[in-house]
């Protein structure tokens, strides 16, 4: 619930700044109307950047890979015991 409140507060703050810029005519009106579009594009770029950084910093876990392979072998043996064809290795 706290995360939703933060998001709503951020949206209200951004909306109030945008409406304030529209009312005060600090920035030309033609540019002010495009601010939400710029914000959406900026948010998309930020999201892509965070995904890219996450992929770059992704660590491999060799121990976990070994455990996963053991689990797969165990599951195949279990299914073969039940009579299920699991294919060739």
PDB file of N, CA and C in Angstrom:
ATOM      1  N   UNK A   1       0.819  -1.196   0.000  1.00  0.00           N
ATOM      2  CA  UNK A   1       0.000   0.000   0.000  1.00  0.00           C
ATOM      3  C   UNK A   1       0.860   1.257   0.000  1.00  0.00           C
ATOM      4  N   UNK A   2       1.993   1.209   0.645  1.00  0.00           N
ATOM      5  CA  UNK A   2       2.861   2.378   0.707  1.00  0.00           C
ATOM      6  C   UNK A   2       3.381   2.751  -0.673  1.00  0.00           C
ATOM      7  N   UNK A   3       3.646   1.738  -1.504  1.00  0.00           N
ATOM      8  CA  UNK A   3       4.161   1.992  -2.838  1.00  0.00           C
ATOM      9  C   UNK A   3       3.113   2.719  -3.687  1.00  0.00           C
ATOM     10  N   UNK A   4       1.866   2.347  -3.535  1.00  0.00           N
ATOM     11  CA  UNK A   4       0.782   2.996  -4.287  1.00  0.00           C
ATOM     12  C   UNK A   4       0.670   4.464  -3.873  1.00  0.00           C
ATOM     13  N   UNK A   5       0.807   4.730  -2.592  1.00  0.00           N
ATOM     14  CA  UNK A   5       0.727   6.101  -2.103  1.00  0.00           C
ATOM     15  C   UNK A   5       1.873   6.932  -2.675  1.00  0.00           C
ATOM     16  N   UNK A   6       3.072   6.357  -2.759  1.00  0.00           N
ATOM     17  CA  UNK A   6       4.215   7.071  -3.338  1.00  0.00           C
ATOM     18  C   UNK A   6       3.964   7.390  -4.807  1.00  0.00           C
ATOM     19  N   UNK A   7       3.427   6.428  -5.540  1.00  0.00           N
ATOM     20  CA  UNK A   7       3.165   6.639  -6.961  1.00  0.00           C
ATOM     21  C   UNK A   7       2.109   7.719  -7.153  1.00  0.00           C
ATOM     22  N   UNK A   8       1.051   7.661  -6.361  1.00  0.00           N
ATOM     23  CA  UNK A   8      -0.014   8.662  -6.479  1.00  0.00           C
ATOM     24  C   UNK A   8       0.508  10.045  -6.105  1.00  0.00           C
ATOM     25  N   UNK A   9       1.333  10.122  -5.070  1.00  0.00           N
ATOM     26  CA  UNK A   9       1.905  11.410  -4.667  1.00  0.00           C
ATOM     27  C   UNK A   9       2.802  11.965  -5.764  1.00  0.00           C
ATOM     28  N   UNK A  10       3.579  11.110  -6.392  1.00  0.00           N
ATOM     29  CA  UNK A  10       4.448  11.546  -7.488  1.00  0.00           C
ATOM     30  C   UNK A  10       3.625  12.043  -8.669  1.00  0.00           C
ATOM     31  N   UNK A  11       2.558  11.321  -9.012  1.00  0.00           N
ATOM     32  CA  UNK A  11       1.695  11.748 -10.115  1.00  0.00           C
ATOM     33  C   UNK A  11       1.008  13.082  -9.815  1.00  0.00           C
ATOM     34  N   UNK A  12       0.582  13.264  -8.580  1.00  0.00           N
ATOM     35  CA  UNK A  12      -0.050  14.528  -8.201  1.00  0.00           C
ATOM     36  C   UNK A  12       0.964  15.666  -8.287  1.00  0.00           C
ATOM     37  N   UNK A  13       2.186  15.420  -7.828  1.00  0.00           N
ATOM     38  CA  UNK A  13       3.214  16.462  -7.880  1.00  0.00           C
ATOM     39  C   UNK A  13       3.549  16.828  -9.316  1.00  0.00           C
ATOM     40  N   UNK A  14       3.709  15.829 -10.170  1.00  0.00           N
ATOM     41  CA  UNK A  14       4.020  16.100 -11.577  1.00  0.00           C
ATOM     42  C   UNK A  14       2.863  16.830 -12.249  1.00  0.00           C
ATOM     43  N   UNK A  15       1.642  16.418 -11.945  1.00  0.00           N
ATOM     44  CA  UNK A  15       0.469  17.082 -12.530  1.00  0.00           C
ATOM     45  C   UNK A  15       0.366  18.530 -12.077  1.00  0.00           C
ATOM     46  N   UNK A  16       0.642  18.778 -10.810  1.00  0.00           N
ATOM     47  CA  UNK A  16       0.549  20.152 -10.316  1.00  0.00           C
ATOM     48  C   UNK A  16       1.626  21.045 -10.942  1.00  0.00           C
ATOM     49  N   UNK A  17       2.829  20.512 -11.135  1.00  0.00           N
ATOM     50  CA  UNK A  17       3.876  21.287 -11.804  1.00  0.00           C
ATOM     51  C   UNK A  17       3.472  21.571 -13.246  1.00  0.00           C
ATOM     52  N   UNK A  18       2.913  20.565 -13.908  1.00  0.00           N
ATOM     53  CA  UNK A  18       2.494  20.735 -15.302  1.00  0.00           C
ATOM     54  C   UNK A  18       1.389  21.774 -15.412  1.00  0.00           C
ATOM     55  N   UNK A  19       0.392  21.690 -14.550  1.00  0.00           N
ATOM     56  CA  UNK A  19      -0.704  22.668 -14.575  1.00  0.00           C
ATOM     57  C   UNK A  19      -0.175  24.061 -14.228  1.00  0.00           C
ATOM     58  N   UNK A  20       0.765  24.118 -13.274  1.00  0.00           N
ATOM     59  CA  UNK A  20       1.373  25.406 -12.939  1.00  0.00           C
ATOM     60  C   UNK A  20       2.112  26.018 -14.114  1.00  0.00           C
ATOM     61  N   UNK A  21       2.823  25.192 -14.870  1.00  0.00           N
ATOM     62  CA  UNK A  21       3.521  25.704 -16.059  1.00  0.00           C
ATOM     63  C   UNK A  21       2.533  26.171 -17.122  1.00  0.00           C
ATOM     64  N   UNK A  22       1.408  25.462 -17.239  1.00  0.00           N
ATOM     65  CA  UNK A  22       0.385  25.896 -18.203  1.00  0.00           C
ATOM     66  C   UNK A  22      -0.221  27.238 -17.797  1.00  0.00           C
ATOM     67  N   UNK A  23      -0.475  27.419 -16.502  1.00  0.00           N
ATOM     68  CA  UNK A  23      -1.111  28.645 -16.025  1.00  0.00           C
ATOM     69  C   UNK A  23      -0.156  29.839 -16.042  1.00  0.00           C
ATOM     70  N   UNK A  24       1.121  29.607 -15.692  1.00  0.00           N
ATOM     71  CA  UNK A  24       2.059  30.710 -15.546  1.00  0.00           C
ATOM     72  C   UNK A  24       2.666  31.145 -16.881  1.00  0.00           C
ATOM     73  N   UNK A  25       2.568  30.335 -17.890  1.00  0.00           N
ATOM     74  CA  UNK A  25       3.134  30.627 -19.206  1.00  0.00           C
ATOM     75  C   UNK A  25       4.635  30.891 -19.132  1.00  0.00           C
ATOM     76  N   UNK A  26       5.322  30.170 -18.247  1.00  0.00           N
ATOM     77  CA  UNK A  26       6.779  30.286 -18.148  1.00  0.00           C
ATOM     78  C   UNK A  26       7.422  29.690 -19.394  1.00  0.00           C
ATOM     79  N   UNK A  27       6.893  28.556 -19.803  1.00  0.00           N
ATOM     80  CA  UNK A  27       7.345  27.881 -21.012  1.00  0.00           C
ATOM     81  C   UNK A  27       6.263  28.101 -22.060  1.00  0.00           C
ATOM     82  N   UNK A  28       6.634  28.304 -23.317  1.00  0.00           N
ATOM     83  CA  UNK A  28       5.590  28.488 -24.347  1.00  0.00           C
ATOM     84  C   UNK A  28       4.567  27.349 -24.319  1.00  0.00           C
ATOM     85  N   UNK A  29       3.330  27.699 -24.575  1.00  0.00           N
ATOM     86  CA  UNK A  29       2.221  26.751 -24.448  1.00  0.00           C
ATOM     87  C   UNK A  29       2.383  25.550 -25.366  1.00  0.00           C
ATOM     88  N   UNK A  30       2.961  25.744 -26.541  1.00  0.00           N
ATOM     89  CA  UNK A  30       3.127  24.632 -27.470  1.00  0.00           C
ATOM     90  C   UNK A  30       4.089  23.589 -26.908  1.00  0.00           C
ATOM     91  N   UNK A  31       5.089  24.023 -26.157  1.00  0.00           N
ATOM     92  CA  UNK A  31       6.024  23.084 -25.539  1.00  0.00           C
ATOM     93  C   UNK A  31       5.457  22.465 -24.274  1.00  0.00           C
ATOM     94  N   UNK A  32       4.638  23.210 -23.549  1.00  0.00           N
ATOM     95  CA  UNK A  32       4.091  22.724 -22.287  1.00  0.00           C
ATOM     96  C   UNK A  32       3.147  21.558 -22.504  1.00  0.00           C
ATOM     97  N   UNK A  33       2.390  21.577 -23.585  1.00  0.00           N
ATOM     98  CA  UNK A  33       1.454  20.490 -23.845  1.00  0.00           C
ATOM     99  C   UNK A  33       2.173  19.177 -24.143  1.00  0.00           C
ATOM    100  N   UNK A  34       3.421  19.269 -24.580  1.00  0.00           N
ATOM    101  CA  UNK A  34       4.181  18.066 -24.911  1.00  0.00           C
ATOM    102  C   UNK A  34       4.916  17.469 -23.706  1.00  0.00           C
ATOM    103  N   UNK A  35       4.903  18.139 -22.567  1.00  0.00           N
ATOM    104  CA  UNK A  35       5.621  17.635 -21.398  1.00  0.00           C
ATOM    105  C   UNK A  35       5.197  16.224 -20.971  1.00  0.00           C
ATOM    106  N   UNK A  36       3.903  15.875 -20.974  1.00  0.00           N
ATOM    107  CA  UNK A  36       3.547  14.487 -20.623  1.00  0.00           C
ATOM    108  C   UNK A  36       4.132  13.467 -21.598  1.00  0.00           C
ATOM    109  N   UNK A  37       4.194  13.821 -22.867  1.00  0.00           N
ATOM    110  CA  UNK A  37       4.783  12.913 -23.856  1.00  0.00           C
ATOM    111  C   UNK A  37       6.268  12.748 -23.575  1.00  0.00           C
ATOM    112  N   UNK A  38       6.949  13.862 -23.293  1.00  0.00           N
ATOM    113  CA  UNK A  38       8.369  13.783 -22.954  1.00  0.00           C
ATOM    114  C   UNK A  38       8.588  12.953 -21.697  1.00  0.00           C
ATOM    115  N   UNK A  39       7.695  13.087 -20.742  1.00  0.00           N
ATOM    116  CA  UNK A  39       7.816  12.330 -19.494  1.00  0.00           C
ATOM    117  C   UNK A  39       7.664  10.828 -19.751  1.00  0.00           C
ATOM    118  N   UNK A  40       6.729  10.458 -20.598  1.00  0.00           N
ATOM    119  CA  UNK A  40       6.529   9.039 -20.920  1.00  0.00           C
ATOM    120  C   UNK A  40       7.751   8.481 -21.652  1.00  0.00           C
ATOM    121  N   UNK A  41       8.295   9.270 -22.592  1.00  0.00           N
ATOM    122  CA  UNK A  41       9.488   8.828 -23.319  1.00  0.00           C
ATOM    123  C   UNK A  41      10.668   8.694 -22.355  1.00  0.00           C
ATOM    124  N   UNK A  42      10.815   9.643 -21.456  1.00  0.00           N
ATOM    125  CA  UNK A  42      11.887   9.592 -20.467  1.00  0.00           C
ATOM    126  C   UNK A  42      11.727   8.388 -19.540  1.00  0.00           C
ATOM    127  N   UNK A  43      10.506   8.090 -19.157  1.00  0.00           N
ATOM    128  CA  UNK A  43      10.245   6.926 -18.312  1.00  0.00           C
ATOM    129  C   UNK A  43      10.596   5.626 -19.039  1.00  0.00           C
ATOM    130  N   UNK A  44      10.285   5.547 -20.326  1.00  0.00           N
ATOM    131  CA  UNK A  44      10.650   4.374 -21.118  1.00  0.00           C
ATOM    132  C   UNK A  44      12.154   4.214 -21.235  1.00  0.00           C
ATOM    133  N   UNK A  45      12.858   5.321 -21.455  1.00  0.00           N
ATOM    134  CA  UNK A  45      14.325   5.258 -21.530  1.00  0.00           C
ATOM    135  C   UNK A  45      14.919   4.822 -20.197  1.00  0.00           C
ATOM    136  N   UNK A  46      14.364   5.331 -19.111  1.00  0.00           N
ATOM    137  CA  UNK A  46      14.835   4.926 -17.782  1.00  0.00           C
ATOM    138  C   UNK A  46      14.617   3.435 -17.562  1.00  0.00           C
ATOM    139  N   UNK A  47      13.449   2.930 -17.963  1.00  0.00           N
ATOM    140  CA  UNK A  47      13.171   1.506 -17.806  1.00  0.00           C
ATOM    141  C   UNK A  47      14.129   0.650 -18.609  1.00  0.00           C
ATOM    142  N   UNK A  48      14.402   1.047 -19.855  1.00  0.00           N
ATOM    143  CA  UNK A  48      15.359   0.306 -20.675  1.00  0.00           C
ATOM    144  C   UNK A  48      16.761   0.351 -20.076  1.00  0.00           C
ATOM    145  N   UNK A  49      17.134   1.494 -19.523  1.00  0.00           N
ATOM    146  CA  UNK A  49      18.437   1.615 -18.879  1.00  0.00           C
ATOM    147  C   UNK A  49      18.543   0.684 -17.678  1.00  0.00           C
ATOM    148  N   UNK A  50      17.491   0.623 -16.870  1.00  0.00           N
ATOM    149  CA  UNK A  50      17.524  -0.245 -15.686  1.00  0.00           C
ATOM    150  C   UNK A  50      17.574  -1.727 -16.077  1.00  0.00           C
ATOM    151  N   UNK A  51      16.866  -2.100 -17.148  1.00  0.00           N
ATOM    152  CA  UNK A  51      16.929  -3.485 -17.623  1.00  0.00           C
ATOM    153  C   UNK A  51      18.332  -3.799 -18.131  1.00  0.00           C
ATOM    154  N   UNK A  52      18.924  -2.871 -18.888  1.00  0.00           N
ATOM    155  CA  UNK A  52      20.279  -3.069 -19.397  1.00  0.00           C
ATOM    156  C   UNK A  52      21.298  -3.198 -18.291  1.00  0.00           C
ATOM    157  N   UNK A  53      21.203  -2.339 -17.290  1.00  0.00           N
ATOM    158  CA  UNK A  53      22.135  -2.423 -16.156  1.00  0.00           C
ATOM    159  C   UNK A  53      21.936  -3.731 -15.411  1.00  0.00           C
ATOM    160  N   UNK A  54      20.686  -4.151 -15.250  1.00  0.00           N
ATOM    161  CA  UNK A  54      20.419  -5.425 -14.583  1.00  0.00           C
ATOM    162  C   UNK A  54      21.001  -6.601 -15.341  1.00  0.00           C
ATOM    163  N   UNK A  55      20.928  -6.564 -16.674  1.00  0.00           N
ATOM    164  CA  UNK A  55      21.505  -7.637 -17.478  1.00  0.00           C
ATOM    165  C   UNK A  55      23.025  -7.638 -17.410  1.00  0.00           C
ATOM    166  N   UNK A  56      23.616  -6.462 -17.379  1.00  0.00           N
ATOM    167  CA  UNK A  56      25.071  -6.374 -17.306  1.00  0.00           C
ATOM    168  C   UNK A  56      25.576  -6.892 -15.959  1.00  0.00           C
ATOM    169  N   UNK A  57      24.862  -6.594 -14.891  1.00  0.00           N
ATOM    170  CA  UNK A  57      25.307  -6.976 -13.557  1.00  0.00           C
ATOM    171  C   UNK A  57      24.805  -8.347 -13.118  1.00  0.00           C
ATOM    172  N   UNK A  58      24.115  -9.069 -14.014  1.00  0.00           N
ATOM    173  CA  UNK A  58      23.561 -10.372 -13.656  1.00  0.00           C
ATOM    174  C   UNK A  58      24.690 -11.352 -13.373  1.00  0.00           C
ATOM    175  N   UNK A  59      24.658 -11.946 -12.191  1.00  0.00           N
ATOM    176  CA  UNK A  59      25.707 -12.880 -11.794  1.00  0.00           C
ATOM    177  C   UNK A  59      25.294 -14.303 -12.127  1.00  0.00           C
ATOM    178  N   UNK A  60      26.266 -15.103 -12.535  1.00  0.00           N
ATOM    179  CA  UNK A  60      25.989 -16.513 -12.750  1.00  0.00           C
ATOM    180  C   UNK A  60      26.119 -17.237 -11.416  1.00  0.00           C
ATOM    181  N   UNK A  61      25.371 -18.291 -11.273  1.00  0.00           N
ATOM    182  CA  UNK A  61      25.362 -19.062 -10.030  1.00  0.00           C
ATOM    183  C   UNK A  61      25.661 -20.516 -10.362  1.00  0.00           C
ATOM    184  N   UNK A  62      26.940 -20.902 -10.457  1.00  0.00           N
ATOM    185  CA  UNK A  62      27.269 -22.268 -10.852  1.00  0.00           C
ATOM    186  C   UNK A  62      26.757 -23.311  -9.860  1.00  0.00           C
ATOM    187  N   UNK A  63      26.777 -22.996  -8.583  1.00  0.00           N
ATOM    188  CA  UNK A  63      26.285 -23.949  -7.582  1.00  0.00           C
ATOM    189  C   UNK A  63      24.790 -24.197  -7.764  1.00  0.00           C
ATOM    190  N   UNK A  64      24.041 -23.127  -8.020  1.00  0.00           N
ATOM    191  CA  UNK A  64      22.603 -23.260  -8.231  1.00  0.00           C
ATOM    192  C   UNK A  64      22.308 -24.023  -9.526  1.00  0.00           C
ATOM    193  N   UNK A  65      23.157 -23.858 -10.542  1.00  0.00           N
ATOM    194  CA  UNK A  65      22.964 -24.600 -11.788  1.00  0.00           C
ATOM    195  C   UNK A  65      23.125 -26.098 -11.554  1.00  0.00           C
ATOM    196  N   UNK A  66      24.095 -26.468 -10.736  1.00  0.00           N
ATOM    197  CA  UNK A  66      24.307 -27.884 -10.410  1.00  0.00           C
ATOM    198  C   UNK A  66      23.098 -28.434  -9.658  1.00  0.00           C
ATOM    199  N   UNK A  67      22.601 -27.664  -8.702  1.00  0.00           N
ATOM    200  CA  UNK A  67      21.424 -28.107  -7.940  1.00  0.00           C
ATOM    201  C   UNK A  67      20.197 -28.233  -8.844  1.00  0.00           C
ATOM    202  N   UNK A  68      20.059 -27.331  -9.792  1.00  0.00           N
ATOM    203  CA  UNK A  68      18.934 -27.402 -10.715  1.00  0.00           C
ATOM    204  C   UNK A  68      19.031 -28.647 -11.595  1.00  0.00           C
ATOM    205  N   UNK A  69      20.231 -28.960 -12.081  1.00  0.00           N
ATOM    206  CA  UNK A  69      20.409 -30.169 -12.885  1.00  0.00           C
ATOM    207  C   UNK A  69      20.081 -31.421 -12.079  1.00  0.00           C
ATOM    208  N   UNK A  70      20.469 -31.439 -10.807  1.00  0.00           N
ATOM    209  CA  UNK A  70      20.143 -32.572  -9.945  1.00  0.00           C
ATOM    210  C   UNK A  70      18.639 -32.699  -9.758  1.00  0.00           C
ATOM    211  N   UNK A  71      17.959 -31.574  -9.617  1.00  0.00           N
ATOM    212  CA  UNK A  71      16.498 -31.599  -9.484  1.00  0.00           C
ATOM    213  C   UNK A  71      15.837 -32.128 -10.753  1.00  0.00           C
ATOM    214  N   UNK A  72      16.377 -31.762 -11.908  1.00  0.00           N
ATOM    215  CA  UNK A  72      15.829 -32.234 -13.178  1.00  0.00           C
ATOM    216  C   UNK A  72      16.005 -33.739 -13.293  1.00  0.00           C
ATOM    217  N   UNK A  73      17.192 -34.228 -12.947  1.00  0.00           N
ATOM    218  CA  UNK A  73      17.450 -35.674 -12.992  1.00  0.00           C
ATOM    219  C   UNK A  73      16.517 -36.409 -12.042  1.00  0.00           C
ATOM    220  N   UNK A  74      16.338 -35.865 -10.848  1.00  0.00           N
ATOM    221  CA  UNK A  74      15.443 -36.478  -9.860  1.00  0.00           C
ATOM    222  C   UNK A  74      14.006 -36.507 -10.363  1.00  0.00           C
ATOM    223  N   UNK A  75      13.562 -35.423 -11.001  1.00  0.00           N
ATOM    224  CA  UNK A  75      12.196 -35.364 -11.523  1.00  0.00           C
ATOM    225  C   UNK A  75      11.999 -36.360 -12.660  1.00  0.00           C
ATOM    226  N   UNK A  76      13.012 -36.485 -13.535  1.00  0.00           N
ATOM    227  CA  UNK A  76      12.908 -37.457 -14.631  1.00  0.00           C
ATOM    228  C   UNK A  76      12.818 -38.877 -14.095  1.00  0.00           C
ATOM    229  N   UNK A  77      13.624 -39.187 -13.080  1.00  0.00           N
ATOM    230  CA  UNK A  77      13.577 -40.531 -12.486  1.00  0.00           C
ATOM    231  C   UNK A  77      12.220 -40.790 -11.850  1.00  0.00           C
ATOM    232  N   UNK A  78      11.676 -39.793 -11.192  1.00  0.00           N
ATOM    233  CA  UNK A  78      10.367 -39.934 -10.555  1.00  0.00           C
ATOM    234  C   UNK A  78       9.286 -40.192 -11.598  1.00  0.00           C
ATOM    235  N   UNK A  79       9.335 -39.421 -12.690  1.00  0.00           N
ATOM    236  CA  UNK A  79       8.327 -39.582 -13.727  1.00  0.00           C
ATOM    237  C   UNK A  79       8.482 -40.912 -14.461  1.00  0.00           C
ATOM    238  N   UNK A  80       9.717 -41.373 -14.668  1.00  0.00           N
ATOM    239  CA  UNK A  80       9.920 -42.673 -15.289  1.00  0.00           C
ATOM    240  C   UNK A  80       9.378 -43.781 -14.416  1.00  0.00           C
ATOM    241  N   UNK A  81       9.522 -43.650 -13.090  1.00  0.00           N
ATOM    242  CA  UNK A  81       8.991 -44.645 -12.157  1.00  0.00           C
ATOM    243  C   UNK A  81       7.468 -44.691 -12.210  1.00  0.00           C
ATOM    244  N   UNK A  82       6.847 -43.553 -12.544  1.00  0.00           N
ATOM    245  CA  UNK A  82       5.382 -43.496 -12.651  1.00  0.00           C
ATOM    246  C   UNK A  82       4.896 -43.912 -14.025  1.00  0.00           C
ATOM    247  N   UNK A  83       5.846 -44.162 -14.970  1.00  0.00           N
ATOM    248  CA  UNK A  83       5.465 -44.619 -16.285  1.00  0.00           C
ATOM    249  C   UNK A  83       5.278 -43.516 -17.302  1.00  0.00           C
ATOM    250  N   UNK A  84       5.792 -42.330 -17.042  1.00  0.00           N
ATOM    251  CA  UNK A  84       5.669 -41.218 -17.954  1.00  0.00           C
ATOM    252  C   UNK A  84       6.915 -41.163 -18.834  1.00  0.00           C
ATOM    253  N   UNK A  85       6.706 -41.041 -20.152  1.00  0.00           N
ATOM    254  CA  UNK A  85       7.832 -40.941 -21.076  1.00  0.00           C
ATOM    255  C   UNK A  85       8.352 -39.516 -21.060  1.00  0.00           C
ATOM    256  N   UNK A  86       9.589 -39.326 -20.606  1.00  0.00           N
ATOM    257  CA  UNK A  86      10.170 -37.993 -20.509  1.00  0.00           C
ATOM    258  C   UNK A  86      11.132 -37.704 -21.645  1.00  0.00           C
ATOM    259  N   UNK A  87      11.244 -38.570 -22.608  1.00  0.00           N
ATOM    260  CA  UNK A  87      12.132 -38.342 -23.748  1.00  0.00           C
ATOM    261  C   UNK A  87      13.543 -38.830 -23.457  1.00  0.00           C
ATOM    262  N   UNK A  88      14.389 -38.633 -24.432  1.00  0.00           N
ATOM    263  CA  UNK A  88      15.775 -39.092 -24.286  1.00  0.00           C
ATOM    264  C   UNK A  88      16.616 -37.999 -23.632  1.00  0.00           C
ATOM    265  N   UNK A  89      17.731 -38.412 -23.042  1.00  0.00           N
ATOM    266  CA  UNK A  89      18.629 -37.453 -22.356  1.00  0.00           C
ATOM    267  C   UNK A  89      19.470 -36.704 -23.333  1.00  0.00           C
TER     268      UNK A  89
END
